[in-house]
Amino acid sequence: MNDKNLMITGSPAKRIISFALPLMLGNFFQQLYNTADSLIVGNFLGSNALAAVSSAGNLIFLMIGFFQGVSAGAGVVIAHFLGAQDPQRTHKAVHTTVAVGIIAGLFLMVFGVLCTPWILELMHTPAEVMPDSVAYFRNYFYGALGVVLYNTFVGILQASGDSKHPLYFLIVSSVTNVVLDLVFIVGLDMGAGAAGLATAISQVLSACLCLHRLMVDGGSVSVHLADVGIDFPTLRRILVNGLPSGLQNSIIAISNVLIQSSINSLGPAMMSGMGTYAKIEGFAFLPITSFTMAITTYISQNLGAGEKRRARDGARFGVRICCICAEVIGIFIFVFAPTFIAAFDQTPAVIEIGTLKSRYTVMFYFMLAFSHAISAVMRGAGRSVIPMGVMLVCWCILRVTILEVCLKGFGYTNIIYFIHPLTWSLSTLVFSQFYIGFLKRNSCEECRDAVAN
């Protein structure tokens, strides 16, 4: 690994695309974790077990998402130091990030295993689904240290411009996950909880592969176990960038958990239908997620190197490609939604619910993509508080308030189908203003003034 991975030279479009493509494939294999669980569980264990696994995503993201956000913030700091060609501060940032990951992973493992039943009760999980849900979540969180460290190590690799090796490791761990699902569930008849165990084992494997890469051939972001520890000035900088990103993930997750709680109260068919749509949306947004990750790294490295004009040009390209990809994918899902839903569960009620959710939602994917793209730009620019605030207001407070008023105040259950597009439109309006401001701050004129001064 060397400076050829940095994105501070060459065509912005080519750099972003070449970084995003391996991420896209990697995210595809990562999405296979829970999707493989759902497909196998739904086809071999029935709708109640599928409801337990399908509804797991929101709660898992609530507990994992915060630490993923902090890791993303650490990646911004590392990318900035790399762009500024500062090896000493890069070294401190890398090893502080690893230390934080170890502490966070241990905490999450203990908390997740102990508190799973209580959290599921708060989410109004139906009694017939509860045993499978508890088993799945507990087995998943036994591997929480591996999950957090995997995200930590991948964040370090990606900050250096290396998106290929995380892809290779994800392919190995995803294949492992599918094989273990088949062995545990189909071969050994261990029940829905075994799907969580298979995922945990696979995540630990991928974390070990990433660590080996960083220790053996990490280059400017090499990890030396003897140097792992917290440098407090660096930690403060990581937290300034990472806490808003972590809180942003938590805000989105809390909103989704509250919505999931409302869905749970409407029965297993609604749980399965909505949970299955969520799996499809997870695949649908893989290209957009990949491009936003590339945008954040690109912006951070170029601003660290003082390349304001490149940062602006990269932001423009990234936002455009995200919105175009999202809407093309949305049209495809609109047409084939019933077929996709039926692949998970052929129960007519589940297919109807999942298809309705898809068709109410997918035509507005461009707004979701725009919001995520501008969030990525702001994070790369070190302004992660902005997307956190927008998400808090639009995607949590307003979303949950509207849902509660419509459901409990008026008994209007159809609000569940289009609550997301409604709040995406609000965040799009707000983010548009911040995007215009970013382009103005990094205009050609300002670049010339900076050079002149």
Protein backbone atom coordinates (compact mmCIF):
# COMPACT_ATOMS: atom_id res chain seq x y z
CA MET A 1 0.00 0.00 0.00
CA ASN A 2 1.46 3.36 -1.01
CA ASP A 3 0.59 6.85 -2.18
CA LYS A 4 -0.78 5.59 -5.52
CA ASN A 5 -4.00 4.84 -3.62
CA LEU A 6 -4.45 8.52 -2.71
CA MET A 7 -7.10 10.42 -4.67
CA ILE A 8 -5.41 13.84 -4.77
CA THR A 9 -4.36 13.53 -8.44
CA GLY A 10 -6.03 12.39 -11.67
CA SER A 11 -9.59 12.72 -12.91
CA PRO A 12 -12.06 13.17 -10.01
CA ALA A 13 -14.69 11.04 -11.77
CA LYS A 14 -12.26 8.20 -12.51
CA ARG A 15 -10.84 8.29 -8.99
CA ILE A 16 -14.27 8.14 -7.37
CA ILE A 17 -15.52 5.39 -9.68
CA SER A 18 -12.40 3.24 -9.30
CA PHE A 19 -12.68 3.54 -5.51
CA ALA A 20 -16.44 2.95 -5.45
CA LEU A 21 -16.59 -0.17 -7.66
CA PRO A 22 -14.76 -2.50 -5.25
CA LEU A 23 -16.81 -0.98 -2.43
CA MET A 24 -19.96 -1.76 -4.37
CA LEU A 25 -19.03 -5.41 -4.72
CA GLY A 26 -17.90 -5.52 -1.11
CA ASN A 27 -21.14 -3.98 0.13
CA PHE A 28 -23.02 -6.49 -2.01
CA PHE A 29 -21.36 -9.38 -0.22
CA GLN A 30 -21.85 -7.70 3.15
CA GLN A 31 -25.55 -7.32 2.41
CA LEU A 32 -25.62 -11.06 1.77
CA TYR A 33 -25.10 -11.66 5.50
CA ASN A 34 -28.62 -10.89 6.68
CA THR A 35 -30.20 -11.57 3.30
CA ALA A 36 -28.85 -15.10 3.22
CA ASP A 37 -30.15 -15.52 6.76
CA SER A 38 -33.61 -14.34 5.68
CA LEU A 39 -33.77 -16.45 2.51
CA ILE A 40 -32.71 -19.64 4.23
CA VAL A 41 -34.77 -19.02 7.37
CA GLY A 42 -37.88 -18.01 5.39
CA ASN A 43 -37.75 -21.05 3.13
CA PHE A 44 -36.85 -23.66 5.76
CA LEU A 45 -38.24 -22.37 9.08
CA GLY A 46 -41.39 -20.40 8.12
CA SER A 47 -42.86 -16.91 8.42
CA ASN A 48 -42.46 -16.43 12.18
CA ALA A 49 -38.75 -17.23 12.04
CA LEU A 50 -38.43 -14.95 8.99
CA ALA A 51 -40.16 -12.15 10.90
CA ALA A 52 -37.62 -12.55 13.72
CA VAL A 53 -34.63 -12.34 11.38
CA SER A 54 -36.06 -9.78 8.94
CA SER A 55 -36.88 -7.32 11.70
CA ALA A 56 -33.36 -7.62 13.11
CA GLY A 57 -31.74 -5.07 10.82
CA ASN A 58 -33.06 -1.94 12.50
CA LEU A 59 -32.10 -3.00 16.01
CA ILE A 60 -28.68 -4.21 14.91
CA PHE A 61 -28.03 -0.93 13.12
CA LEU A 62 -29.13 0.97 16.22
CA MET A 63 -26.48 -0.80 18.30
CA ILE A 64 -23.76 -1.14 15.64
CA GLY A 65 -24.43 2.05 13.69
CA PHE A 66 -23.08 4.42 16.32
CA PHE A 67 -19.69 2.72 16.34
CA GLN A 68 -19.71 2.54 12.54
CA GLY A 69 -20.19 6.29 12.50
CA VAL A 70 -17.31 6.86 14.89
CA SER A 71 -15.13 4.64 12.69
CA ALA A 72 -16.16 6.70 9.66
CA GLY A 73 -15.15 9.85 11.52
CA ALA A 74 -11.80 8.30 12.35
CA GLY A 75 -11.39 7.47 8.66
CA VAL A 76 -11.93 11.14 7.78
CA VAL A 77 -9.15 12.15 10.20
CA ILE A 78 -6.78 9.50 8.84
CA ALA A 79 -7.55 10.46 5.23
CA HIS A 80 -6.93 14.13 6.05
CA PHE A 81 -3.51 13.36 7.58
CA LEU A 82 -2.64 11.16 4.59
CA GLY A 83 -3.59 13.93 2.18
CA ALA A 84 -1.45 16.35 4.19
CA GLN A 85 1.51 13.89 4.02
CA ASP A 86 1.84 13.73 7.83
CA PRO A 87 3.04 10.18 8.73
CA GLN A 88 3.46 10.80 12.47
CA ARG A 89 -0.10 12.00 12.99
CA THR A 90 -1.39 9.28 10.66
CA HIS A 91 0.31 6.65 12.85
CA LYS A 92 -1.26 8.06 16.01
CA ALA A 93 -4.70 8.25 14.41
CA VAL A 94 -4.55 4.65 13.19
CA HIS A 95 -3.56 3.16 16.53
CA THR A 96 -5.95 5.33 18.53
CA THR A 97 -8.75 4.18 16.22
CA VAL A 98 -7.89 0.52 16.81
CA ALA A 99 -7.84 1.02 20.59
CA VAL A 100 -11.25 2.68 20.52
CA GLY A 101 -12.58 -0.17 18.37
CA ILE A 102 -11.46 -2.80 20.88
CA ILE A 103 -13.09 -0.99 23.80
CA ALA A 104 -16.31 -0.34 21.88
CA GLY A 105 -16.55 -3.91 20.61
CA LEU A 106 -16.22 -5.43 24.08
CA PHE A 107 -18.82 -3.05 25.48
CA LEU A 108 -21.28 -3.78 22.69
CA MET A 109 -20.86 -7.53 23.03
CA VAL A 110 -21.71 -7.51 26.75
CA PHE A 111 -24.54 -5.00 26.39
CA GLY A 112 -26.12 -6.74 23.41
CA VAL A 113 -26.12 -10.20 24.96
CA LEU A 114 -27.51 -9.03 28.31
CA CYS A 115 -30.12 -6.52 27.12
CA THR A 116 -31.60 -8.25 24.06
CA PRO A 117 -34.86 -9.50 25.71
CA TRP A 118 -35.55 -6.13 27.30
CA ILE A 119 -35.01 -4.23 24.04
CA LEU A 120 -37.21 -6.64 22.07
CA GLU A 121 -40.00 -6.18 24.60
CA LEU A 122 -39.75 -2.40 24.22
CA MET A 123 -40.15 -2.93 20.45
CA HIS A 124 -43.45 -4.78 21.02
CA THR A 125 -42.12 -7.96 19.45
CA PRO A 126 -45.03 -10.46 19.19
CA ALA A 127 -44.94 -13.40 21.60
CA GLU A 128 -44.85 -15.95 18.78
CA VAL A 129 -41.73 -14.32 17.33
CA MET A 130 -39.91 -13.53 20.60
CA PRO A 131 -38.00 -16.85 21.15
CA ASP A 132 -36.46 -16.79 17.67
CA SER A 133 -35.67 -13.07 17.95
CA VAL A 134 -33.86 -13.48 21.27
CA ALA A 135 -31.84 -16.43 19.97
CA TYR A 136 -30.86 -14.62 16.77
CA PHE A 137 -29.84 -11.36 18.46
CA ARG A 138 -27.85 -12.98 21.24
CA ASN A 139 -25.87 -15.17 18.88
CA TYR A 140 -25.22 -12.16 16.65
CA PHE A 141 -23.87 -10.07 19.51
CA TYR A 142 -21.50 -12.78 20.66
CA GLY A 143 -19.55 -11.68 17.61
CA ALA A 144 -19.95 -7.93 18.22
CA LEU A 145 -16.22 -7.42 18.87
CA GLY A 146 -15.51 -8.84 15.42
CA VAL A 147 -18.21 -6.65 13.86
CA VAL A 148 -16.85 -3.42 15.37
CA LEU A 149 -13.21 -4.26 14.66
CA TYR A 150 -14.05 -5.22 11.09
CA ASN A 151 -15.64 -1.80 10.52
CA THR A 152 -12.64 -0.16 12.24
CA PHE A 153 -10.09 -1.92 10.05
CA VAL A 154 -12.07 -1.34 6.87
CA GLY A 155 -12.34 2.36 7.72
CA ILE A 156 -8.56 2.55 8.02
CA LEU A 157 -8.00 0.73 4.72
CA GLN A 158 -10.52 2.86 2.89
CA ALA A 159 -9.09 6.09 4.33
CA SER A 160 -5.81 5.16 2.63
CA GLY A 161 -7.61 4.63 -0.69
CA ASP A 162 -7.62 0.81 -0.54
CA SER A 163 -11.10 -0.47 -1.33
CA LYS A 164 -10.02 -3.72 -2.99
CA HIS A 165 -8.77 -5.77 -0.04
CA PRO A 166 -11.97 -5.23 2.02
CA LEU A 167 -13.78 -6.67 -1.02
CA TYR A 168 -11.62 -9.81 -1.06
CA PHE A 169 -12.14 -10.36 2.66
CA LEU A 170 -15.90 -9.85 2.40
CA ILE A 171 -16.17 -12.43 -0.37
CA VAL A 172 -14.49 -15.00 1.85
CA SER A 173 -16.58 -14.18 4.91
CA SER A 174 -19.86 -14.00 2.94
CA VAL A 175 -19.33 -17.42 1.41
CA THR A 176 -18.50 -18.69 4.90
CA ASN A 177 -21.73 -17.18 6.21
CA VAL A 178 -23.90 -18.87 3.58
CA VAL A 179 -22.21 -22.23 4.07
CA LEU A 180 -22.63 -22.01 7.85
CA ASP A 181 -26.30 -21.02 7.45
CA LEU A 182 -26.93 -24.13 5.38
CA VAL A 183 -25.00 -26.38 7.77
CA PHE A 184 -26.55 -25.00 10.97
CA ILE A 185 -30.15 -24.51 9.78
CA VAL A 186 -30.69 -27.09 7.04
CA GLY A 187 -28.18 -29.74 8.07
CA LEU A 188 -28.23 -29.56 11.87
CA ASP A 189 -31.73 -28.03 12.33
CA MET A 190 -30.45 -25.54 14.93
CA GLY A 191 -33.24 -22.99 14.37
CA ALA A 192 -33.30 -19.24 13.60
CA GLY A 193 -30.70 -18.43 16.26
CA ALA A 194 -28.09 -20.32 14.23
CA ALA A 195 -28.33 -17.66 11.52
CA GLY A 196 -27.02 -15.11 14.02
CA LEU A 197 -24.22 -17.47 15.02
CA ALA A 198 -23.18 -17.95 11.39
CA THR A 199 -23.07 -14.19 10.87
CA ALA A 200 -21.02 -13.66 14.04
CA ILE A 201 -18.43 -16.25 13.01
CA SER A 202 -18.17 -14.74 9.53
CA GLN A 203 -17.69 -11.21 10.87
CA VAL A 204 -14.90 -12.34 13.19
CA LEU A 205 -13.20 -14.03 10.23
CA SER A 206 -13.36 -10.86 8.11
CA ALA A 207 -11.94 -8.78 10.98
CA CYS A 208 -8.99 -11.17 11.31
CA LEU A 209 -8.29 -10.97 7.57
CA CYS A 210 -8.33 -7.15 7.65
CA LEU A 211 -6.01 -7.04 10.65
CA HIS A 212 -3.56 -9.38 8.95
CA ARG A 213 -3.47 -7.10 5.93
CA LEU A 214 -2.81 -4.01 8.06
CA MET A 215 -0.06 -5.74 10.04
CA VAL A 216 1.74 -7.35 7.11
CA ASP A 217 1.37 -4.80 4.30
CA GLY A 218 -0.38 -1.73 5.65
CA GLY A 219 2.13 0.79 4.38
CA SER A 220 1.36 4.27 5.70
CA VAL A 221 -1.52 2.88 7.81
CA SER A 222 0.27 -0.20 9.18
CA VAL A 223 -0.92 -1.53 12.52
CA HIS A 224 1.63 -2.54 15.17
CA LEU A 225 -0.05 -4.21 18.13
CA ALA A 226 2.55 -2.86 20.55
CA ASP A 227 1.62 0.70 19.52
CA VAL A 228 -2.13 0.31 19.99
CA GLY A 229 -3.23 2.85 22.55
CA ILE A 230 -5.03 6.15 22.91
CA ASP A 231 -3.37 9.43 22.03
CA PHE A 232 -5.79 11.89 23.63
CA PRO A 233 -5.28 14.90 21.31
CA THR A 234 -5.89 12.57 18.36
CA LEU A 235 -8.84 10.99 20.15
CA ARG A 236 -10.44 14.40 20.60
CA ARG A 237 -10.13 15.08 16.88
CA ILE A 238 -11.58 11.66 16.04
CA LEU A 239 -14.51 12.24 18.38
CA VAL A 240 -15.19 15.71 16.99
CA ASN A 241 -15.56 14.12 13.55
CA GLY A 242 -16.85 10.72 14.60
CA LEU A 243 -19.42 11.43 17.30
CA PRO A 244 -21.75 13.42 15.01
CA SER A 245 -21.50 10.64 12.40
CA GLY A 246 -22.19 8.02 15.06
CA LEU A 247 -25.09 10.02 16.44
CA GLN A 248 -26.42 10.47 12.91
CA ASN A 249 -26.47 6.69 12.45
CA SER A 250 -28.12 6.30 15.85
CA ILE A 251 -30.73 8.94 15.00
CA ILE A 252 -31.65 7.09 11.81
CA ALA A 253 -31.64 3.78 13.67
CA ILE A 254 -33.78 5.08 16.55
CA SER A 255 -36.30 6.39 14.05
CA ASN A 256 -36.36 3.03 12.26
CA VAL A 257 -36.64 1.11 15.54
CA LEU A 258 -39.61 3.23 16.59
CA ILE A 259 -41.20 2.65 13.20
CA GLN A 260 -40.39 -1.06 13.51
CA SER A 261 -42.14 -1.03 16.87
CA SER A 262 -45.28 0.28 15.16
CA ILE A 263 -44.91 -2.35 12.44
CA ASN A 264 -44.50 -5.11 15.04
CA SER A 265 -47.82 -4.13 16.62
CA LEU A 266 -49.55 -4.88 13.30
CA GLY A 267 -48.57 -8.57 13.29
CA PRO A 268 -46.05 -11.03 11.74
CA ALA A 269 -47.26 -10.53 8.14
CA MET A 270 -46.54 -6.80 8.33
CA MET A 271 -43.19 -7.54 9.98
CA SER A 272 -42.21 -9.97 7.23
CA GLY A 273 -43.43 -7.78 4.39
CA MET A 274 -41.72 -4.61 5.63
CA GLY A 275 -38.60 -6.50 6.69
CA THR A 276 -38.33 -8.16 3.29
CA TYR A 277 -38.65 -4.79 1.53
CA ALA A 278 -35.86 -3.51 3.77
CA LYS A 279 -33.61 -6.31 2.47
CA ILE A 280 -34.39 -5.31 -1.11
CA GLU A 281 -33.70 -1.64 -0.34
CA GLY A 282 -30.40 -2.66 1.23
CA PHE A 283 -29.32 -4.20 -2.08
CA ALA A 284 -30.80 -1.34 -4.09
CA PHE A 285 -28.72 1.24 -2.29
CA LEU A 286 -25.40 -0.58 -2.50
CA PRO A 287 -24.16 1.60 -5.41
CA ILE A 288 -25.21 4.79 -3.63
CA THR A 289 -23.66 3.71 -0.33
CA SER A 290 -20.46 2.87 -2.17
CA PHE A 291 -20.31 6.22 -3.94
CA THR A 292 -20.99 8.13 -0.73
CA MET A 293 -18.14 6.32 1.02
CA ALA A 294 -15.88 7.19 -1.91
CA ILE A 295 -17.05 10.82 -1.80
CA THR A 296 -16.17 11.18 1.89
CA THR A 297 -12.65 9.79 1.42
CA TYR A 298 -12.12 11.82 -1.75
CA ILE A 299 -13.24 15.12 -0.17
CA SER A 300 -11.20 14.56 3.00
CA GLN A 301 -7.97 13.67 1.18
CA ASN A 302 -8.23 16.59 -1.23
CA LEU A 303 -9.09 19.18 1.37
CA GLY A 304 -6.22 17.82 3.49
CA ALA A 305 -3.95 18.40 0.50
CA GLY A 306 -5.38 21.89 -0.07
CA GLU A 307 -7.02 20.88 -3.36
CA LYS A 308 -10.28 22.83 -2.99
CA ARG A 309 -11.15 22.86 -6.68
CA ARG A 310 -10.75 19.06 -6.93
CA ALA A 311 -12.94 18.66 -3.85
CA ARG A 312 -15.67 20.78 -5.43
CA ASP A 313 -15.51 18.94 -8.76
CA GLY A 314 -15.58 15.57 -7.03
CA ALA A 315 -18.61 16.60 -4.97
CA ARG A 316 -20.52 17.64 -8.08
CA PHE A 317 -19.81 14.39 -9.87
CA GLY A 318 -20.57 12.28 -6.79
CA VAL A 319 -23.96 13.88 -6.16
CA ARG A 320 -25.01 13.50 -9.80
CA ILE A 321 -24.00 9.85 -10.10
CA CYS A 322 -25.74 8.96 -6.81
CA CYS A 323 -29.06 10.48 -7.87
CA ILE A 324 -29.01 8.93 -11.35
CA CYS A 325 -28.14 5.45 -10.07
CA ALA A 326 -30.80 5.62 -7.38
CA GLU A 327 -33.63 6.44 -9.75
CA VAL A 328 -32.63 3.84 -12.35
CA ILE A 329 -32.60 1.20 -9.61
CA GLY A 330 -35.92 2.47 -8.25
CA ILE A 331 -37.65 1.99 -11.61
CA PHE A 332 -36.28 -1.57 -11.83
CA ILE A 333 -37.59 -2.46 -8.37
CA PHE A 334 -40.98 -0.88 -9.11
CA VAL A 335 -41.44 -3.31 -12.01
CA PHE A 336 -40.17 -6.49 -10.33
CA ALA A 337 -41.16 -5.91 -6.68
CA PRO A 338 -43.63 -8.85 -6.42
CA THR A 339 -41.01 -11.28 -7.72
CA PHE A 340 -38.36 -10.01 -5.31
CA ILE A 341 -40.68 -10.21 -2.29
CA ALA A 342 -41.85 -13.72 -3.23
CA ALA A 343 -38.26 -14.96 -3.23
CA PHE A 344 -38.26 -14.50 0.56
CA ASP A 345 -41.82 -15.49 1.45
CA GLN A 346 -44.62 -16.68 -0.83
CA THR A 347 -47.39 -15.85 1.63
CA PRO A 348 -49.86 -13.64 -0.33
CA ALA A 349 -50.25 -11.09 2.50
CA VAL A 350 -46.47 -10.69 2.81
CA ILE A 351 -46.08 -10.22 -0.97
CA GLU A 352 -48.85 -7.61 -1.04
CA ILE A 353 -47.40 -5.61 1.86
CA GLY A 354 -43.83 -5.72 0.57
CA THR A 355 -44.90 -4.75 -2.95
CA LEU A 356 -46.98 -1.80 -1.73
CA LYS A 357 -44.08 -0.52 0.35
CA SER A 358 -41.74 -0.84 -2.63
CA ARG A 359 -44.00 0.99 -5.05
CA TYR A 360 -44.80 3.83 -2.66
CA THR A 361 -41.10 4.34 -2.01
CA VAL A 362 -38.77 3.57 -4.90
CA MET A 363 -39.76 6.44 -7.20
CA PHE A 364 -38.37 8.84 -4.59
CA TYR A 365 -34.99 7.16 -4.23
CA PHE A 366 -33.25 10.14 -5.85
CA MET A 367 -34.10 12.26 -2.79
CA LEU A 368 -32.65 9.68 -0.41
CA ALA A 369 -29.53 9.46 -2.58
CA PHE A 370 -29.16 13.26 -2.64
CA SER A 371 -29.40 13.46 1.16
CA HIS A 372 -26.80 10.73 1.66
CA ALA A 373 -24.47 12.25 -0.94
CA ILE A 374 -24.53 15.70 0.68
CA SER A 375 -24.00 14.07 4.08
CA ALA A 376 -20.91 12.39 2.65
CA VAL A 377 -19.61 15.72 1.32
CA MET A 378 -20.14 17.40 4.68
CA ARG A 379 -18.42 14.58 6.57
CA GLY A 380 -15.44 14.70 4.23
CA ALA A 381 -15.23 18.45 4.79
CA GLY A 382 -15.13 17.93 8.57
CA ARG A 383 -18.65 19.32 9.08
CA SER A 384 -20.36 16.15 10.28
CA VAL A 385 -22.56 18.08 12.74
CA ILE A 386 -24.63 19.38 9.80
CA PRO A 387 -25.96 16.02 8.52
CA MET A 388 -26.49 14.89 12.10
CA GLY A 389 -28.75 17.89 12.76
CA VAL A 390 -30.70 17.50 9.54
CA MET A 391 -31.25 13.79 10.16
CA LEU A 392 -32.33 14.45 13.75
CA VAL A 393 -35.04 16.87 12.70
CA CYS A 394 -36.22 15.38 9.40
CA TRP A 395 -35.62 11.65 9.78
CA CYS A 396 -36.28 11.21 13.48
CA ILE A 397 -38.38 13.91 15.17
CA LEU A 398 -40.67 14.74 12.25
CA ARG A 399 -40.83 11.16 10.93
CA VAL A 400 -41.79 9.63 14.26
CA THR A 401 -44.18 12.48 15.14
CA ILE A 402 -46.04 12.21 11.84
CA LEU A 403 -46.22 8.43 12.15
CA GLU A 404 -47.52 8.51 15.72
CA VAL A 405 -50.15 11.16 14.95
CA CYS A 406 -51.42 9.31 11.89
CA LEU A 407 -51.39 5.84 13.45
CA LYS A 408 -52.55 6.51 17.00
CA GLY A 409 -54.43 9.73 16.44
CA PHE A 410 -56.29 8.86 13.25
CA GLY A 411 -55.74 5.11 12.82
CA TYR A 412 -54.29 5.76 9.37
CA THR A 413 -52.06 2.71 8.85
CA ASN A 414 -51.16 3.55 5.23
CA ILE A 415 -48.79 6.25 6.52
CA ILE A 416 -46.28 3.40 7.07
CA TYR A 417 -45.98 3.03 3.29
CA PHE A 418 -44.96 6.59 2.45
CA ILE A 419 -43.54 8.10 5.64
CA HIS A 420 -39.99 7.71 4.29
CA PRO A 421 -40.46 9.58 0.98
CA LEU A 422 -42.21 12.37 2.86
CA THR A 423 -39.28 12.96 5.20
CA TRP A 424 -36.69 12.42 2.44
CA SER A 425 -38.23 15.36 0.60
CA LEU A 426 -37.77 17.57 3.65
CA SER A 427 -34.12 16.63 4.11
CA THR A 428 -33.50 17.20 0.38
CA LEU A 429 -34.71 20.79 0.65
CA VAL A 430 -32.47 21.49 3.64
CA PHE A 431 -29.38 19.74 2.24
CA SER A 432 -29.70 21.69 -1.00
CA GLN A 433 -28.81 24.88 0.86
CA PHE A 434 -25.71 23.38 2.47
CA TYR A 435 -24.60 21.95 -0.87
CA ILE A 436 -24.79 25.37 -2.52
CA GLY A 437 -22.75 26.79 0.35
CA PHE A 438 -20.07 24.10 -0.05
CA LEU A 439 -19.72 24.81 -3.76
CA LYS A 440 -19.35 28.54 -3.11
CA ARG A 441 -16.71 28.03 -0.41
CA ASN A 442 -14.66 25.87 -2.77
CA SER A 443 -15.13 27.89 -5.95
CA CYS A 444 -12.37 28.53 -8.45
CA GLU A 445 -12.17 32.14 -7.36
CA GLU A 446 -11.52 31.15 -3.76
CA CYS A 447 -8.88 28.66 -4.94
CA ARG A 448 -7.07 31.42 -6.84
CA ASP A 449 -7.32 33.75 -3.84
CA ALA A 450 -5.86 31.07 -1.58
CA VAL A 451 -2.94 30.54 -3.95
CA ALA A 452 -2.35 34.29 -4.25
CA ASN A 453 -2.26 34.70 -0.49
